[in-house]
Amino acid sequence: MFYPACGLKGQFESGLAPYAPVRVFQGTADEEVSPHRCTELIEKCWALGGDITVTLYPNATHDFDDPGESRQSVQANADAKKDAVSRAIEFFATVLNPR
């Protein structure tokens, strides 16, 4: 998940246990989604046994993977996009074809 809305109007105050592995990628400078709130939710998910991890990218903004110049001209976004896309591809390859 890229920069998920972890609050969802209080829907997951006590956490959730995802039925499948989840990987979250988010920038610490996200202007729309709170990295702090997502980290808190993920910690609650861990307590419920959820296979979920978060990768926080220092100074990357919301929509860091947008290929447009306005987002990619921010070096933190370009770095985050490169790393997150690579990790997502590796994750899906592993989960969808575990051989």
C-alpha atoms as a PDB file:
ATOM      1  CA  MET A   1       0.000   0.000   0.000  1.00  0.00           C
ATOM      2  CA  PHE A   2       1.320   3.396  -0.908  1.00  0.00           C
ATOM      3  CA  TYR A   3       0.476   6.164   1.593  1.00  0.00           C
ATOM      4  CA  PRO A   4      -2.754   4.567   2.906  1.00  0.00           C
ATOM      5  CA  ALA A   5      -5.453   6.422   4.782  1.00  0.00           C
ATOM      6  CA  CYS A   6      -4.859   4.759   8.142  1.00  0.00           C
ATOM      7  CA  GLY A   7      -7.452   6.738  10.086  1.00  0.00           C
ATOM      8  CA  LEU A   8     -10.588   5.991   8.079  1.00  0.00           C
ATOM      9  CA  LYS A   9     -12.776   7.943  10.477  1.00  0.00           C
ATOM     10  CA  GLY A  10     -11.978   5.701  13.437  1.00  0.00           C
ATOM     11  CA  GLN A  11     -12.749   2.401  11.706  1.00  0.00           C
ATOM     12  CA  PHE A  12      -9.574   0.713  12.976  1.00  0.00           C
ATOM     13  CA  GLU A  13      -9.053   2.248  16.419  1.00  0.00           C
ATOM     14  CA  SER A  14      -8.285  -1.171  17.891  1.00  0.00           C
ATOM     15  CA  GLY A  15      -6.285  -2.325  14.865  1.00  0.00           C
ATOM     16  CA  LEU A  16      -7.017  -5.047  12.367  1.00  0.00           C
ATOM     17  CA  ALA A  17      -5.606  -8.413  11.450  1.00  0.00           C
ATOM     18  CA  PRO A  18      -5.125  -8.509   7.682  1.00  0.00           C
ATOM     19  CA  TYR A  19      -5.861 -11.855   6.032  1.00  0.00           C
ATOM     20  CA  ALA A  20      -2.804 -11.514   3.783  1.00  0.00           C
ATOM     21  CA  PRO A  21       0.663  -9.983   4.122  1.00  0.00           C
ATOM     22  CA  VAL A  22       0.692  -6.195   3.763  1.00  0.00           C
ATOM     23  CA  ARG A  23       3.544  -3.816   2.998  1.00  0.00           C
ATOM     24  CA  VAL A  24       3.133  -0.075   3.497  1.00  0.00           C
ATOM     25  CA  PHE A  25       5.277   2.589   1.829  1.00  0.00           C
ATOM     26  CA  GLN A  26       4.954   6.183   2.997  1.00  0.00           C
ATOM     27  CA  GLY A  27       6.923   9.397   3.120  1.00  0.00           C
ATOM     28  CA  THR A  28       7.607  11.172   6.389  1.00  0.00           C
ATOM     29  CA  ALA A  29       6.650  14.496   4.767  1.00  0.00           C
ATOM     30  CA  ASP A  30       3.274  13.229   3.541  1.00  0.00           C
ATOM     31  CA  GLU A  31       0.933  16.233   3.473  1.00  0.00           C
ATOM     32  CA  GLU A  32      -2.288  14.199   3.327  1.00  0.00           C
ATOM     33  CA  VAL A  33      -1.799  11.014   5.344  1.00  0.00           C
ATOM     34  CA  SER A  34      -0.209  10.950   8.787  1.00  0.00           C
ATOM     35  CA  PRO A  35       2.839   8.680   8.949  1.00  0.00           C
ATOM     36  CA  HIS A  36       2.455   8.739  12.741  1.00  0.00           C
ATOM     37  CA  ARG A  37      -1.143   7.502  12.545  1.00  0.00           C
ATOM     38  CA  CYS A  38      -0.136   4.719  10.137  1.00  0.00           C
ATOM     39  CA  THR A  39       2.713   3.616  12.366  1.00  0.00           C
ATOM     40  CA  GLU A  40       0.334   3.470  15.342  1.00  0.00           C
ATOM     41  CA  LEU A  41      -2.155   1.382  13.352  1.00  0.00           C
ATOM     42  CA  ILE A  42       0.562  -0.991  12.185  1.00  0.00           C
ATOM     43  CA  GLU A  43       1.758  -1.496  15.762  1.00  0.00           C
ATOM     44  CA  LYS A  44      -1.813  -2.438  16.732  1.00  0.00           C
ATOM     45  CA  CYS A  45      -1.920  -4.869  13.804  1.00  0.00           C
ATOM     46  CA  TRP A  46       1.286  -6.501  15.023  1.00  0.00           C
ATOM     47  CA  ALA A  47      -0.329  -7.015  18.424  1.00  0.00           C
ATOM     48  CA  LEU A  48      -3.131  -8.885  16.629  1.00  0.00           C
ATOM     49  CA  GLY A  49      -0.623 -11.039  14.748  1.00  0.00           C
ATOM     50  CA  GLY A  50      -0.807  -9.210  11.427  1.00  0.00           C
ATOM     51  CA  ASP A  51       1.940  -9.704   8.843  1.00  0.00           C
ATOM     52  CA  ILE A  52       2.367  -6.040   8.038  1.00  0.00           C
ATOM     53  CA  THR A  53       5.413  -3.819   7.745  1.00  0.00           C
ATOM     54  CA  VAL A  54       5.988  -0.167   6.981  1.00  0.00           C
ATOM     55  CA  THR A  55       8.818   1.521   5.142  1.00  0.00           C
ATOM     56  CA  LEU A  56       9.031   5.241   5.860  1.00  0.00           C
ATOM     57  CA  TYR A  57      10.954   7.415   3.435  1.00  0.00           C
ATOM     58  CA  PRO A  58      12.558  10.502   5.005  1.00  0.00           C
ATOM     59  CA  ASN A  59      11.290  13.753   3.455  1.00  0.00           C
ATOM     60  CA  ALA A  60       9.202  12.027   0.767  1.00  0.00           C
ATOM     61  CA  THR A  61       5.773  13.557   0.205  1.00  0.00           C
ATOM     62  CA  HIS A  62       2.317  12.193  -0.526  1.00  0.00           C
ATOM     63  CA  ASP A  63       2.153  10.745  -4.017  1.00  0.00           C
ATOM     64  CA  PHE A  64       5.934  10.236  -4.103  1.00  0.00           C
ATOM     65  CA  ASP A  65       5.535   7.645  -6.863  1.00  0.00           C
ATOM     66  CA  ASP A  66       3.802  10.081  -9.235  1.00  0.00           C
ATOM     67  CA  PRO A  67       6.031  10.072 -12.334  1.00  0.00           C
ATOM     68  CA  GLY A  68       5.341  13.750 -13.039  1.00  0.00           C
ATOM     69  CA  GLU A  69       8.170  16.243 -12.829  1.00  0.00           C
ATOM     70  CA  SER A  70       6.661  18.199  -9.939  1.00  0.00           C
ATOM     71  CA  ARG A  71       6.904  15.170  -7.633  1.00  0.00           C
ATOM     72  CA  GLN A  72      10.018  13.580  -9.099  1.00  0.00           C
ATOM     73  CA  SER A  73      11.992  16.833  -8.928  1.00  0.00           C
ATOM     74  CA  VAL A  74      12.055  16.278  -5.154  1.00  0.00           C
ATOM     75  CA  GLN A  75      15.034  13.962  -4.634  1.00  0.00           C
ATOM     76  CA  ALA A  76      13.435  12.258  -1.629  1.00  0.00           C
ATOM     77  CA  ASN A  77      10.420  11.354  -3.809  1.00  0.00           C
ATOM     78  CA  ALA A  78      12.591  10.012  -6.622  1.00  0.00           C
ATOM     79  CA  ASP A  79      14.573   7.893  -4.154  1.00  0.00           C
ATOM     80  CA  ALA A  80      11.407   6.660  -2.435  1.00  0.00           C
ATOM     81  CA  LYS A  81       9.739   5.777  -5.734  1.00  0.00           C
ATOM     82  CA  LYS A  82      12.732   3.769  -6.902  1.00  0.00           C
ATOM     83  CA  ASP A  83      12.995   1.835  -3.646  1.00  0.00           C
ATOM     84  CA  ALA A  84       9.259   1.292  -3.101  1.00  0.00           C
ATOM     85  CA  VAL A  85       8.580   0.065  -6.621  1.00  0.00           C
ATOM     86  CA  SER A  86      11.484  -2.357  -6.352  1.00  0.00           C
ATOM     87  CA  ARG A  87      10.271  -3.639  -2.984  1.00  0.00           C
ATOM     88  CA  ALA A  88       6.669  -3.953  -4.201  1.00  0.00           C
ATOM     89  CA  ILE A  89       7.713  -5.997  -7.239  1.00  0.00           C
ATOM     90  CA  GLU A  90       9.851  -8.262  -5.056  1.00  0.00           C
ATOM     91  CA  PHE A  91       7.012  -8.646  -2.527  1.00  0.00           C
ATOM     92  CA  PHE A  92       4.434  -9.601  -5.154  1.00  0.00           C
ATOM     93  CA  ALA A  93       6.845 -11.994  -6.842  1.00  0.00           C
ATOM     94  CA  THR A  94       7.447 -13.727  -3.525  1.00  0.00           C
ATOM     95  CA  VAL A  95       3.820 -13.823  -2.378  1.00  0.00           C
ATOM     96  CA  LEU A  96       2.255 -14.741  -5.724  1.00  0.00           C
ATOM     97  CA  ASN A  97       4.915 -17.253  -6.750  1.00  0.00           C
ATOM     98  CA  PRO A  98       6.569 -18.568  -3.559  1.00  0.00           C
ATOM     99  CA  ARG A  99       8.700 -21.161  -5.384  1.00  0.00           C
END
